[in-house]
């Protein structure tokens, strides 16, 4: 399925994109298992990884993050709390891709919940 979507996108638009797919159950698990249940969800993000990270450079990431920021790597997701806004953090999607050695896409908590709602409706 991933390669079909990537090929169709390339054919239609002329460029490569990374496609990351999650099931309804995976979205539900991500929502229910957040390590930051009491944080402001408008400042909470999930970095979806295409594969399991090949490395976990915690020291490097800790040096780059703001003192108020928190992240937690679990499986193929990185939960990321950035109270000063995603646009101001050094821990960007590109940085997570580079440091963890895998393709990724980042979504805010509101979008994750909406994607779960859509997936749940489709699977009824």
PDB file of N, CA and C in Angstrom:
ATOM      1  N   UNK A   1       0.817  -1.194   0.000  1.00  0.00           N
ATOM      2  CA  UNK A   1       0.000   0.000   0.000  1.00  0.00           C
ATOM      3  C   UNK A   1       0.866   1.265   0.000  1.00  0.00           C
ATOM      4  N   UNK A   2       1.920   1.274   0.828  1.00  0.00           N
ATOM      5  CA  UNK A   2       2.795   2.448   0.903  1.00  0.00           C
ATOM      6  C   UNK A   2       3.414   2.734  -0.462  1.00  0.00           C
ATOM      7  N   UNK A   3       3.949   1.707  -1.109  1.00  0.00           N
ATOM      8  CA  UNK A   3       4.610   1.935  -2.402  1.00  0.00           C
ATOM      9  C   UNK A   3       3.605   2.375  -3.464  1.00  0.00           C
ATOM     10  N   UNK A   4       2.373   1.878  -3.418  1.00  0.00           N
ATOM     11  CA  UNK A   4       1.350   2.314  -4.378  1.00  0.00           C
ATOM     12  C   UNK A   4       1.060   3.803  -4.226  1.00  0.00           C
ATOM     13  N   UNK A   5       0.921   4.256  -2.993  1.00  0.00           N
ATOM     14  CA  UNK A   5       0.645   5.672  -2.745  1.00  0.00           C
ATOM     15  C   UNK A   5       1.836   6.521  -3.164  1.00  0.00           C
ATOM     16  N   UNK A   6       3.053   6.074  -2.838  1.00  0.00           N
ATOM     17  CA  UNK A   6       4.251   6.825  -3.220  1.00  0.00           C
ATOM     18  C   UNK A   6       4.368   6.917  -4.737  1.00  0.00           C
ATOM     19  N   UNK A   7       4.135   5.801  -5.437  1.00  0.00           N
ATOM     20  CA  UNK A   7       4.236   5.791  -6.902  1.00  0.00           C
ATOM     21  C   UNK A   7       3.174   6.685  -7.544  1.00  0.00           C
ATOM     22  N   UNK A   8       1.952   6.622  -7.037  1.00  0.00           N
ATOM     23  CA  UNK A   8       0.865   7.441  -7.576  1.00  0.00           C
ATOM     24  C   UNK A   8       1.146   8.928  -7.355  1.00  0.00           C
ATOM     25  N   UNK A   9       1.674   9.274  -6.191  1.00  0.00           N
ATOM     26  CA  UNK A   9       2.013  10.668  -5.894  1.00  0.00           C
ATOM     27  C   UNK A   9       3.108  11.158  -6.832  1.00  0.00           C
ATOM     28  N   UNK A  10       4.124  10.332  -7.022  1.00  0.00           N
ATOM     29  CA  UNK A  10       5.220  10.717  -7.918  1.00  0.00           C
ATOM     30  C   UNK A  10       4.703  10.900  -9.351  1.00  0.00           C
ATOM     31  N   UNK A  11       3.852   9.989  -9.792  1.00  0.00           N
ATOM     32  CA  UNK A  11       3.310  10.067 -11.149  1.00  0.00           C
ATOM     33  C   UNK A  11       2.426  11.312 -11.307  1.00  0.00           C
ATOM     34  N   UNK A  12       1.608  11.589 -10.314  1.00  0.00           N
ATOM     35  CA  UNK A  12       0.673  12.710 -10.393  1.00  0.00           C
ATOM     36  C   UNK A  12       1.329  14.076 -10.207  1.00  0.00           C
ATOM     37  N   UNK A  13       2.290  14.162  -9.275  1.00  0.00           N
ATOM     38  CA  UNK A  13       2.842  15.461  -8.916  1.00  0.00           C
ATOM     39  C   UNK A  13       4.314  15.647  -9.269  1.00  0.00           C
ATOM     40  N   UNK A  14       4.992  14.543  -9.620  1.00  0.00           N
ATOM     41  CA  UNK A  14       6.373  14.650 -10.078  1.00  0.00           C
ATOM     42  C   UNK A  14       7.429  14.705  -8.999  1.00  0.00           C
ATOM     43  N   UNK A  15       7.086  14.345  -7.759  1.00  0.00           N
ATOM     44  CA  UNK A  15       8.099  14.332  -6.714  1.00  0.00           C
ATOM     45  C   UNK A  15       7.831  13.192  -5.736  1.00  0.00           C
ATOM     46  N   UNK A  16       8.895  12.786  -5.040  1.00  0.00           N
ATOM     47  CA  UNK A  16       8.793  11.712  -4.065  1.00  0.00           C
ATOM     48  C   UNK A  16       8.300  12.252  -2.726  1.00  0.00           C
ATOM     49  N   UNK A  17       7.472  11.465  -2.054  1.00  0.00           N
ATOM     50  CA  UNK A  17       7.050  11.784  -0.688  1.00  0.00           C
ATOM     51  C   UNK A  17       7.186  10.524   0.156  1.00  0.00           C
ATOM     52  N   UNK A  18       7.443  10.738   1.423  1.00  0.00           N
ATOM     53  CA  UNK A  18       7.458   9.623   2.358  1.00  0.00           C
ATOM     54  C   UNK A  18       6.035   9.386   2.815  1.00  0.00           C
ATOM     55  N   UNK A  19       5.588   8.146   2.728  1.00  0.00           N
ATOM     56  CA  UNK A  19       4.244   7.792   3.160  1.00  0.00           C
ATOM     57  C   UNK A  19       4.365   6.919   4.400  1.00  0.00           C
ATOM     58  N   UNK A  20       3.639   7.310   5.433  1.00  0.00           N
ATOM     59  CA  UNK A  20       3.623   6.561   6.688  1.00  0.00           C
ATOM     60  C   UNK A  20       2.172   6.247   7.006  1.00  0.00           C
ATOM     61  N   UNK A  21       1.875   4.979   7.179  1.00  0.00           N
ATOM     62  CA  UNK A  21       0.500   4.534   7.418  1.00  0.00           C
ATOM     63  C   UNK A  21       0.382   3.969   8.830  1.00  0.00           C
ATOM     64  N   UNK A  22      -0.733   4.301   9.486  1.00  0.00           N
ATOM     65  CA  UNK A  22      -1.053   3.725  10.787  1.00  0.00           C
ATOM     66  C   UNK A  22      -2.490   3.211  10.742  1.00  0.00           C
ATOM     67  N   UNK A  23      -2.743   2.133  11.454  1.00  0.00           N
ATOM     68  CA  UNK A  23      -4.087   1.575  11.549  1.00  0.00           C
ATOM     69  C   UNK A  23      -4.896   2.347  12.587  1.00  0.00           C
ATOM     70  N   UNK A  24      -6.191   2.118  12.596  1.00  0.00           N
ATOM     71  CA  UNK A  24      -7.048   2.732  13.609  1.00  0.00           C
ATOM     72  C   UNK A  24      -6.585   2.330  15.001  1.00  0.00           C
ATOM     73  N   UNK A  25      -6.263   1.067  15.189  1.00  0.00           N
ATOM     74  CA  UNK A  25      -5.789   0.605  16.500  1.00  0.00           C
ATOM     75  C   UNK A  25      -4.481   1.283  16.898  1.00  0.00           C
ATOM     76  N   UNK A  26      -3.616   1.506  15.939  1.00  0.00           N
ATOM     77  CA  UNK A  26      -2.352   2.187  16.242  1.00  0.00           C
ATOM     78  C   UNK A  26      -2.597   3.646  16.648  1.00  0.00           C
ATOM     79  N   UNK A  27      -3.513   4.335  15.947  1.00  0.00           N
ATOM     80  CA  UNK A  27      -3.868   5.698  16.356  1.00  0.00           C
ATOM     81  C   UNK A  27      -4.430   5.695  17.777  1.00  0.00           C
ATOM     82  N   UNK A  28      -5.310   4.759  18.054  1.00  0.00           N
ATOM     83  CA  UNK A  28      -5.926   4.669  19.383  1.00  0.00           C
ATOM     84  C   UNK A  28      -4.860   4.457  20.461  1.00  0.00           C
ATOM     85  N   UNK A  29      -3.925   3.554  20.193  1.00  0.00           N
ATOM     86  CA  UNK A  29      -2.850   3.275  21.150  1.00  0.00           C
ATOM     87  C   UNK A  29      -2.008   4.519  21.399  1.00  0.00           C
ATOM     88  N   UNK A  30      -1.682   5.244  20.344  1.00  0.00           N
ATOM     89  CA  UNK A  30      -0.879   6.460  20.480  1.00  0.00           C
ATOM     90  C   UNK A  30      -1.596   7.473  21.373  1.00  0.00           C
ATOM     91  N   UNK A  31      -2.895   7.618  21.169  1.00  0.00           N
ATOM     92  CA  UNK A  31      -3.677   8.572  21.961  1.00  0.00           C
ATOM     93  C   UNK A  31      -3.759   8.122  23.420  1.00  0.00           C
ATOM     94  N   UNK A  32      -4.057   6.851  23.631  1.00  0.00           N
ATOM     95  CA  UNK A  32      -4.252   6.346  24.995  1.00  0.00           C
ATOM     96  C   UNK A  32      -2.956   6.227  25.787  1.00  0.00           C
ATOM     97  N   UNK A  33      -1.853   6.000  25.116  1.00  0.00           N
ATOM     98  CA  UNK A  33      -0.579   5.736  25.806  1.00  0.00           C
ATOM     99  C   UNK A  33       0.356   6.943  25.860  1.00  0.00           C
ATOM    100  N   UNK A  34      -0.181   8.128  25.697  1.00  0.00           N
ATOM    101  CA  UNK A  34       0.687   9.299  25.753  1.00  0.00           C
ATOM    102  C   UNK A  34       1.413   9.370  27.099  1.00  0.00           C
ATOM    103  N   UNK A  35       2.700   9.625  27.068  1.00  0.00           N
ATOM    104  CA  UNK A  35       3.447   9.766  28.321  1.00  0.00           C
ATOM    105  C   UNK A  35       3.237  11.143  28.966  1.00  0.00           C
ATOM    106  N   UNK A  36       2.457  11.992  28.297  1.00  0.00           N
ATOM    107  CA  UNK A  36       2.208  13.347  28.792  1.00  0.00           C
ATOM    108  C   UNK A  36       0.708  13.607  28.933  1.00  0.00           C
ATOM    109  N   UNK A  37      -0.008  12.826  29.739  1.00  0.00           N
ATOM    110  CA  UNK A  37      -1.473  12.945  29.791  1.00  0.00           C
ATOM    111  C   UNK A  37      -1.982  14.259  30.377  1.00  0.00           C
ATOM    112  N   UNK A  38      -1.188  14.951  31.143  1.00  0.00           N
ATOM    113  CA  UNK A  38      -1.652  16.183  31.785  1.00  0.00           C
ATOM    114  C   UNK A  38      -1.071  17.445  31.166  1.00  0.00           C
ATOM    115  N   UNK A  39      -0.475  17.310  30.005  1.00  0.00           N
ATOM    116  CA  UNK A  39       0.125  18.469  29.331  1.00  0.00           C
ATOM    117  C   UNK A  39      -0.908  19.126  28.411  1.00  0.00           C
ATOM    118  N   UNK A  40      -0.676  20.381  28.106  1.00  0.00           N
ATOM    119  CA  UNK A  40      -1.509  21.132  27.173  1.00  0.00           C
ATOM    120  C   UNK A  40      -1.421  20.471  25.798  1.00  0.00           C
ATOM    121  N   UNK A  41      -2.534  19.913  25.328  1.00  0.00           N
ATOM    122  CA  UNK A  41      -2.507  19.162  24.061  1.00  0.00           C
ATOM    123  C   UNK A  41      -2.234  20.051  22.854  1.00  0.00           C
ATOM    124  N   UNK A  42      -2.406  21.363  22.993  1.00  0.00           N
ATOM    125  CA  UNK A  42      -2.088  22.247  21.867  1.00  0.00           C
ATOM    126  C   UNK A  42      -0.575  22.384  21.679  1.00  0.00           C
ATOM    127  N   UNK A  43       0.183  21.881  22.639  1.00  0.00           N
ATOM    128  CA  UNK A  43       1.648  21.932  22.578  1.00  0.00           C
ATOM    129  C   UNK A  43       2.267  20.536  22.465  1.00  0.00           C
ATOM    130  N   UNK A  44       1.407  19.556  22.238  1.00  0.00           N
ATOM    131  CA  UNK A  44       1.847  18.157  22.184  1.00  0.00           C
ATOM    132  C   UNK A  44       1.797  17.649  20.750  1.00  0.00           C
ATOM    133  N   UNK A  45       2.868  16.973  20.338  1.00  0.00           N
ATOM    134  CA  UNK A  45       3.013  16.469  18.973  1.00  0.00           C
ATOM    135  C   UNK A  45       3.404  15.002  19.000  1.00  0.00           C
ATOM    136  N   UNK A  46       3.085  14.316  17.909  1.00  0.00           N
ATOM    137  CA  UNK A  46       3.545  12.942  17.720  1.00  0.00           C
ATOM    138  C   UNK A  46       4.348  12.903  16.429  1.00  0.00           C
ATOM    139  N   UNK A  47       5.568  12.406  16.539  1.00  0.00           N
ATOM    140  CA  UNK A  47       6.419  12.201  15.370  1.00  0.00           C
ATOM    141  C   UNK A  47       6.256  10.737  14.993  1.00  0.00           C
ATOM    142  N   UNK A  48       5.619  10.487  13.849  1.00  0.00           N
ATOM    143  CA  UNK A  48       5.423   9.122  13.363  1.00  0.00           C
ATOM    144  C   UNK A  48       6.645   8.723  12.545  1.00  0.00           C
ATOM    145  N   UNK A  49       7.265   7.620  12.927  1.00  0.00           N
ATOM    146  CA  UNK A  49       8.461   7.129  12.249  1.00  0.00           C
ATOM    147  C   UNK A  49       8.078   6.031  11.269  1.00  0.00           C
ATOM    148  N   UNK A  50       8.718   6.011  10.118  1.00  0.00           N
ATOM    149  CA  UNK A  50       8.435   4.991   9.105  1.00  0.00           C
ATOM    150  C   UNK A  50       8.880   3.606   9.575  1.00  0.00           C
ATOM    151  N   UNK A  51       9.926   3.552  10.373  1.00  0.00           N
ATOM    152  CA  UNK A  51      10.464   2.294  10.893  1.00  0.00           C
ATOM    153  C   UNK A  51      10.939   2.522  12.320  1.00  0.00           C
ATOM    154  N   UNK A  52      11.328   1.449  12.970  1.00  0.00           N
ATOM    155  CA  UNK A  52      11.924   1.597  14.295  1.00  0.00           C
ATOM    156  C   UNK A  52      13.229   2.365  14.159  1.00  0.00           C
ATOM    157  N   UNK A  53      13.537   3.234  15.108  1.00  0.00           N
ATOM    158  CA  UNK A  53      14.793   3.993  15.019  1.00  0.00           C
ATOM    159  C   UNK A  53      15.998   3.061  15.017  1.00  0.00           C
ATOM    160  N   UNK A  54      16.989   3.431  14.229  1.00  0.00           N
ATOM    161  CA  UNK A  54      18.216   2.631  14.182  1.00  0.00           C
ATOM    162  C   UNK A  54      19.146   3.005  15.332  1.00  0.00           C
ATOM    163  N   UNK A  55      18.962   4.206  15.880  1.00  0.00           N
ATOM    164  CA  UNK A  55      19.734   4.684  17.024  1.00  0.00           C
ATOM    165  C   UNK A  55      18.817   5.544  17.888  1.00  0.00           C
ATOM    166  N   UNK A  56      19.202   5.729  19.146  1.00  0.00           N
ATOM    167  CA  UNK A  56      18.477   6.648  20.030  1.00  0.00           C
ATOM    168  C   UNK A  56      19.500   7.561  20.706  1.00  0.00           C
ATOM    169  N   UNK A  57      19.866   8.644  20.036  1.00  0.00           N
ATOM    170  CA  UNK A  57      20.918   9.537  20.537  1.00  0.00           C
ATOM    171  C   UNK A  57      20.393  10.516  21.602  1.00  0.00           C
ATOM    172  N   UNK A  58      20.033   9.979  22.755  1.00  0.00           N
ATOM    173  CA  UNK A  58      19.407  10.792  23.799  1.00  0.00           C
ATOM    174  C   UNK A  58      20.275  11.969  24.219  1.00  0.00           C
ATOM    175  N   UNK A  59      21.571  11.756  24.367  1.00  0.00           N
ATOM    176  CA  UNK A  59      22.444  12.854  24.785  1.00  0.00           C
ATOM    177  C   UNK A  59      22.428  13.994  23.768  1.00  0.00           C
ATOM    178  N   UNK A  60      22.505  13.655  22.485  1.00  0.00           N
ATOM    179  CA  UNK A  60      22.477  14.673  21.437  1.00  0.00           C
ATOM    180  C   UNK A  60      21.161  15.438  21.444  1.00  0.00           C
ATOM    181  N   UNK A  61      20.049  14.690  21.519  1.00  0.00           N
ATOM    182  CA  UNK A  61      18.735  15.327  21.530  1.00  0.00           C
ATOM    183  C   UNK A  61      18.548  16.187  22.769  1.00  0.00           C
ATOM    184  N   UNK A  62      19.010  15.697  23.906  1.00  0.00           N
ATOM    185  CA  UNK A  62      18.883  16.468  25.149  1.00  0.00           C
ATOM    186  C   UNK A  62      19.669  17.773  25.101  1.00  0.00           C
ATOM    187  N   UNK A  63      20.795  17.768  24.413  1.00  0.00           N
ATOM    188  CA  UNK A  63      21.590  18.990  24.278  1.00  0.00           C
ATOM    189  C   UNK A  63      20.890  20.025  23.399  1.00  0.00           C
ATOM    190  N   UNK A  64      20.097  19.559  22.440  1.00  0.00           N
ATOM    191  CA  UNK A  64      19.438  20.452  21.490  1.00  0.00           C
ATOM    192  C   UNK A  64      18.091  20.981  21.974  1.00  0.00           C
ATOM    193  N   UNK A  65      17.453  20.238  22.850  1.00  0.00           N
ATOM    194  CA  UNK A  65      16.107  20.635  23.269  1.00  0.00           C
ATOM    195  C   UNK A  65      16.152  21.790  24.262  1.00  0.00           C
ATOM    196  N   UNK A  66      15.081  22.546  24.268  1.00  0.00           N
ATOM    197  CA  UNK A  66      14.891  23.606  25.248  1.00  0.00           C
ATOM    198  C   UNK A  66      14.650  22.958  26.603  1.00  0.00           C
ATOM    199  N   UNK A  67      15.004  23.631  27.679  1.00  0.00           N
ATOM    200  CA  UNK A  67      14.854  23.040  29.018  1.00  0.00           C
ATOM    201  C   UNK A  67      13.410  22.689  29.361  1.00  0.00           C
ATOM    202  N   UNK A  68      12.441  23.363  28.754  1.00  0.00           N
ATOM    203  CA  UNK A  68      11.029  23.095  29.023  1.00  0.00           C
ATOM    204  C   UNK A  68      10.447  22.005  28.126  1.00  0.00           C
ATOM    205  N   UNK A  69      11.162  21.613  27.100  1.00  0.00           N
ATOM    206  CA  UNK A  69      10.664  20.605  26.158  1.00  0.00           C
ATOM    207  C   UNK A  69      10.903  19.200  26.695  1.00  0.00           C
ATOM    208  N   UNK A  70      10.000  18.313  26.321  1.00  0.00           N
ATOM    209  CA  UNK A  70      10.134  16.907  26.704  1.00  0.00           C
ATOM    210  C   UNK A  70       9.814  16.040  25.487  1.00  0.00           C
ATOM    211  N   UNK A  71      10.502  14.919  25.381  1.00  0.00           N
ATOM    212  CA  UNK A  71      10.176  13.951  24.334  1.00  0.00           C
ATOM    213  C   UNK A  71      10.295  12.553  24.923  1.00  0.00           C
ATOM    214  N   UNK A  72       9.607  11.631  24.275  1.00  0.00           N
ATOM    215  CA  UNK A  72       9.620  10.239  24.720  1.00  0.00           C
ATOM    216  C   UNK A  72       9.512   9.366  23.482  1.00  0.00           C
ATOM    217  N   UNK A  73      10.474   8.501  23.288  1.00  0.00           N
ATOM    218  CA  UNK A  73      10.486   7.607  22.121  1.00  0.00           C
ATOM    219  C   UNK A  73       9.914   6.267  22.544  1.00  0.00           C
ATOM    220  N   UNK A  74       8.863   5.841  21.826  1.00  0.00           N
ATOM    221  CA  UNK A  74       8.267   4.529  22.082  1.00  0.00           C
ATOM    222  C   UNK A  74       7.961   3.881  20.732  1.00  0.00           C
ATOM    223  N   UNK A  75       8.678   2.816  20.436  1.00  0.00           N
ATOM    224  CA  UNK A  75       8.432   2.103  19.182  1.00  0.00           C
ATOM    225  C   UNK A  75       8.669   2.995  17.981  1.00  0.00           C
ATOM    226  N   UNK A  76       7.628   3.151  17.153  1.00  0.00           N
ATOM    227  CA  UNK A  76       7.734   3.951  15.939  1.00  0.00           C
ATOM    228  C   UNK A  76       7.097   5.337  16.095  1.00  0.00           C
ATOM    229  N   UNK A  77       7.025   5.808  17.345  1.00  0.00           N
ATOM    230  CA  UNK A  77       6.524   7.154  17.598  1.00  0.00           C
ATOM    231  C   UNK A  77       7.426   7.888  18.586  1.00  0.00           C
ATOM    232  N   UNK A  78       7.477   9.187  18.400  1.00  0.00           N
ATOM    233  CA  UNK A  78       8.128  10.064  19.361  1.00  0.00           C
ATOM    234  C   UNK A  78       7.056  11.035  19.833  1.00  0.00           C
ATOM    235  N   UNK A  79       6.801  11.040  21.115  1.00  0.00           N
ATOM    236  CA  UNK A  79       5.886  12.007  21.703  1.00  0.00           C
ATOM    237  C   UNK A  79       6.732  13.228  22.056  1.00  0.00           C
ATOM    238  N   UNK A  80       6.239  14.398  21.695  1.00  0.00           N
ATOM    239  CA  UNK A  80       7.046  15.593  21.857  1.00  0.00           C
ATOM    240  C   UNK A  80       6.199  16.739  22.398  1.00  0.00           C
ATOM    241  N   UNK A  81       6.573  17.239  23.560  1.00  0.00           N
ATOM    242  CA  UNK A  81       5.892  18.372  24.182  1.00  0.00           C
ATOM    243  C   UNK A  81       6.788  19.591  24.063  1.00  0.00           C
ATOM    244  N   UNK A  82       6.299  20.627  23.372  1.00  0.00           N
ATOM    245  CA  UNK A  82       7.087  21.854  23.214  1.00  0.00           C
ATOM    246  C   UNK A  82       6.218  23.058  23.591  1.00  0.00           C
ATOM    247  N   UNK A  83       6.333  23.500  24.843  1.00  0.00           N
ATOM    248  CA  UNK A  83       5.473  24.559  25.359  1.00  0.00           C
ATOM    249  C   UNK A  83       5.665  25.926  24.697  1.00  0.00           C
ATOM    250  N   UNK A  84       6.782  26.139  24.035  1.00  0.00           N
ATOM    251  CA  UNK A  84       7.035  27.430  23.377  1.00  0.00           C
ATOM    252  C   UNK A  84       6.648  27.430  21.905  1.00  0.00           C
ATOM    253  N   UNK A  85       6.043  26.327  21.445  1.00  0.00           N
ATOM    254  CA  UNK A  85       5.604  26.237  20.057  1.00  0.00           C
ATOM    255  C   UNK A  85       6.541  25.421  19.190  1.00  0.00           C
ATOM    256  N   UNK A  86       5.945  24.686  18.270  1.00  0.00           N
ATOM    257  CA  UNK A  86       6.718  23.805  17.393  1.00  0.00           C
ATOM    258  C   UNK A  86       7.621  24.591  16.452  1.00  0.00           C
ATOM    259  N   UNK A  87       7.206  25.784  16.080  1.00  0.00           N
ATOM    260  CA  UNK A  87       8.006  26.603  15.174  1.00  0.00           C
ATOM    261  C   UNK A  87       9.271  27.154  15.794  1.00  0.00           C
ATOM    262  N   UNK A  88       9.375  27.097  17.121  1.00  0.00           N
ATOM    263  CA  UNK A  88      10.534  27.657  17.816  1.00  0.00           C
ATOM    264  C   UNK A  88      11.514  26.602  18.322  1.00  0.00           C
ATOM    265  N   UNK A  89      11.179  25.337  18.166  1.00  0.00           N
ATOM    266  CA  UNK A  89      12.046  24.279  18.695  1.00  0.00           C
ATOM    267  C   UNK A  89      13.154  23.909  17.718  1.00  0.00           C
ATOM    268  N   UNK A  90      14.258  23.457  18.254  1.00  0.00           N
ATOM    269  CA  UNK A  90      15.336  22.916  17.425  1.00  0.00           C
ATOM    270  C   UNK A  90      15.054  21.460  17.060  1.00  0.00           C
ATOM    271  N   UNK A  91      14.141  20.820  17.805  1.00  0.00           N
ATOM    272  CA  UNK A  91      13.820  19.411  17.556  1.00  0.00           C
ATOM    273  C   UNK A  91      12.737  19.311  16.484  1.00  0.00           C
ATOM    274  N   UNK A  92      13.116  19.640  15.268  1.00  0.00           N
ATOM    275  CA  UNK A  92      12.196  19.606  14.133  1.00  0.00           C
ATOM    276  C   UNK A  92      12.035  18.183  13.601  1.00  0.00           C
ATOM    277  N   UNK A  93      11.072  18.015  12.727  1.00  0.00           N
ATOM    278  CA  UNK A  93      10.876  16.728  12.074  1.00  0.00           C
ATOM    279  C   UNK A  93      12.154  16.282  11.360  1.00  0.00           C
ATOM    280  N   UNK A  94      12.788  17.203  10.642  1.00  0.00           N
ATOM    281  CA  UNK A  94      14.028  16.871   9.923  1.00  0.00           C
ATOM    282  C   UNK A  94      15.127  16.421  10.871  1.00  0.00           C
ATOM    283  N   UNK A  95      15.218  17.068  12.038  1.00  0.00           N
ATOM    284  CA  UNK A  95      16.245  16.694  13.003  1.00  0.00           C
ATOM    285  C   UNK A  95      15.970  15.290  13.544  1.00  0.00           C
ATOM    286  N   UNK A  96      14.706  14.994  13.889  1.00  0.00           N
ATOM    287  CA  UNK A  96      14.384  13.638  14.356  1.00  0.00           C
ATOM    288  C   UNK A  96      14.721  12.608  13.282  1.00  0.00           C
ATOM    289  N   UNK A  97      14.401  12.907  12.022  1.00  0.00           N
ATOM    290  CA  UNK A  97      14.742  11.978  10.933  1.00  0.00           C
ATOM    291  C   UNK A  97      16.249  11.731  10.886  1.00  0.00           C
ATOM    292  N   UNK A  98      17.000  12.789  10.931  1.00  0.00           N
ATOM    293  CA  UNK A  98      18.461  12.684  10.832  1.00  0.00           C
ATOM    294  C   UNK A  98      19.053  11.936  12.024  1.00  0.00           C
ATOM    295  N   UNK A  99      18.651  12.311  13.220  1.00  0.00           N
ATOM    296  CA  UNK A  99      19.243  11.727  14.428  1.00  0.00           C
ATOM    297  C   UNK A  99      18.788  10.294  14.684  1.00  0.00           C
ATOM    298  N   UNK A 100      17.538   9.956  14.291  1.00  0.00           N
ATOM    299  CA  UNK A 100      17.033   8.601  14.525  1.00  0.00           C
ATOM    300  C   UNK A 100      17.264   7.674  13.332  1.00  0.00           C
ATOM    301  N   UNK A 101      17.639   8.235  12.198  1.00  0.00           N
ATOM    302  CA  UNK A 101      17.966   7.422  11.029  1.00  0.00           C
ATOM    303  C   UNK A 101      16.773   6.839  10.303  1.00  0.00           C
ATOM    304  N   UNK A 102      15.593   7.486  10.416  1.00  0.00           N
ATOM    305  CA  UNK A 102      14.388   7.007   9.726  1.00  0.00           C
ATOM    306  C   UNK A 102      13.570   8.189   9.222  1.00  0.00           C
ATOM    307  N   UNK A 103      12.749   7.940   8.207  1.00  0.00           N
ATOM    308  CA  UNK A 103      11.820   8.960   7.725  1.00  0.00           C
ATOM    309  C   UNK A 103      10.729   9.166   8.764  1.00  0.00           C
ATOM    310  N   UNK A 104      10.195  10.397   8.802  1.00  0.00           N
ATOM    311  CA  UNK A 104       9.193  10.713   9.825  1.00  0.00           C
ATOM    312  C   UNK A 104       8.243  11.794   9.337  1.00  0.00           C
ATOM    313  N   UNK A 105       7.121  11.905  10.013  1.00  0.00           N
ATOM    314  CA  UNK A 105       6.188  13.011   9.822  1.00  0.00           C
ATOM    315  C   UNK A 105       5.625  13.379  11.182  1.00  0.00           C
ATOM    316  N   UNK A 106       5.456  14.657  11.419  1.00  0.00           N
ATOM    317  CA  UNK A 106       5.000  15.131  12.716  1.00  0.00           C
ATOM    318  C   UNK A 106       3.594  15.699  12.613  1.00  0.00           C
ATOM    319  N   UNK A 107       2.761  15.360  13.588  1.00  0.00           N
ATOM    320  CA  UNK A 107       1.391  15.861  13.649  1.00  0.00           C
ATOM    321  C   UNK A 107       1.090  16.339  15.060  1.00  0.00           C
ATOM    322  N   UNK A 108       0.312  17.412  15.159  1.00  0.00           N
ATOM    323  CA  UNK A 108      -0.076  17.866  16.482  1.00  0.00           C
ATOM    324  C   UNK A 108      -1.180  16.959  17.026  1.00  0.00           C
ATOM    325  N   UNK A 109      -1.400  17.044  18.309  1.00  0.00           N
ATOM    326  CA  UNK A 109      -2.342  16.161  18.985  1.00  0.00           C
ATOM    327  C   UNK A 109      -3.758  16.289  18.414  1.00  0.00           C
ATOM    328  N   UNK A 110      -4.153  17.495  18.070  1.00  0.00           N
ATOM    329  CA  UNK A 110      -5.486  17.723  17.492  1.00  0.00           C
ATOM    330  C   UNK A 110      -5.649  16.946  16.183  1.00  0.00           C
ATOM    331  N   UNK A 111      -4.611  16.966  15.343  1.00  0.00           N
ATOM    332  CA  UNK A 111      -4.652  16.239  14.076  1.00  0.00           C
ATOM    333  C   UNK A 111      -4.666  14.732  14.305  1.00  0.00           C
ATOM    334  N   UNK A 112      -3.885  14.263  15.263  1.00  0.00           N
ATOM    335  CA  UNK A 112      -3.861  12.827  15.588  1.00  0.00           C
ATOM    336  C   UNK A 112      -5.263  12.364  15.986  1.00  0.00           C
ATOM    337  N   UNK A 113      -5.925  13.143  16.822  1.00  0.00           N
ATOM    338  CA  UNK A 113      -7.286  12.794  17.239  1.00  0.00           C
ATOM    339  C   UNK A 113      -8.264  12.814  16.067  1.00  0.00           C
ATOM    340  N   UNK A 114      -8.136  13.780  15.178  1.00  0.00           N
ATOM    341  CA  UNK A 114      -9.007  13.872  14.000  1.00  0.00           C
ATOM    342  C   UNK A 114      -8.767  12.682  13.065  1.00  0.00           C
ATOM    343  N   UNK A 115      -7.502  12.319  12.860  1.00  0.00           N
ATOM    344  CA  UNK A 115      -7.200  11.164  12.012  1.00  0.00           C
ATOM    345  C   UNK A 115      -7.791   9.883  12.607  1.00  0.00           C
ATOM    346  N   UNK A 116      -7.734   9.753  13.926  1.00  0.00           N
ATOM    347  CA  UNK A 116      -8.347   8.603  14.595  1.00  0.00           C
ATOM    348  C   UNK A 116      -9.853   8.610  14.364  1.00  0.00           C
ATOM    349  N   UNK A 117     -10.494   9.760  14.498  1.00  0.00           N
ATOM    350  CA  UNK A 117     -11.940   9.857  14.269  1.00  0.00           C
ATOM    351  C   UNK A 117     -12.303   9.448  12.841  1.00  0.00           C
ATOM    352  N   UNK A 118     -11.543   9.929  11.864  1.00  0.00           N
ATOM    353  CA  UNK A 118     -11.793   9.591  10.457  1.00  0.00           C
ATOM    354  C   UNK A 118     -11.615   8.087  10.232  1.00  0.00           C
ATOM    355  N   UNK A 119     -10.527   7.543  10.746  1.00  0.00           N
ATOM    356  CA  UNK A 119     -10.258   6.111  10.579  1.00  0.00           C
ATOM    357  C   UNK A 119     -11.355   5.269  11.247  1.00  0.00           C
ATOM    358  N   UNK A 120     -11.816   5.720  12.392  1.00  0.00           N
ATOM    359  CA  UNK A 120     -12.881   4.993  13.099  1.00  0.00           C
ATOM    360  C   UNK A 120     -14.175   4.990  12.301  1.00  0.00           C
ATOM    361  N   UNK A 121     -14.493   6.125  11.678  1.00  0.00           N
ATOM    362  CA  UNK A 121     -15.705   6.220  10.841  1.00  0.00           C
ATOM    363  C   UNK A 121     -15.612   5.305   9.623  1.00  0.00           C
ATOM    364  N   UNK A 122     -14.455   5.262   9.006  1.00  0.00           N
ATOM    365  CA  UNK A 122     -14.253   4.403   7.830  1.00  0.00           C
ATOM    366  C   UNK A 122     -14.414   2.930   8.197  1.00  0.00           C
ATOM    367  N   UNK A 123     -13.963   2.566   9.391  1.00  0.00           N
ATOM    368  CA  UNK A 123     -13.984   1.166   9.810  1.00  0.00           C
ATOM    369  C   UNK A 123     -15.279   0.717  10.478  1.00  0.00           C
ATOM    370  N   UNK A 124     -16.285   1.561  10.491  1.00  0.00           N
ATOM    371  CA  UNK A 124     -17.584   1.169  11.084  1.00  0.00           C
ATOM    372  C   UNK A 124     -18.287   0.153  10.233  1.00  0.00           C
TER     373      UNK A 124
END
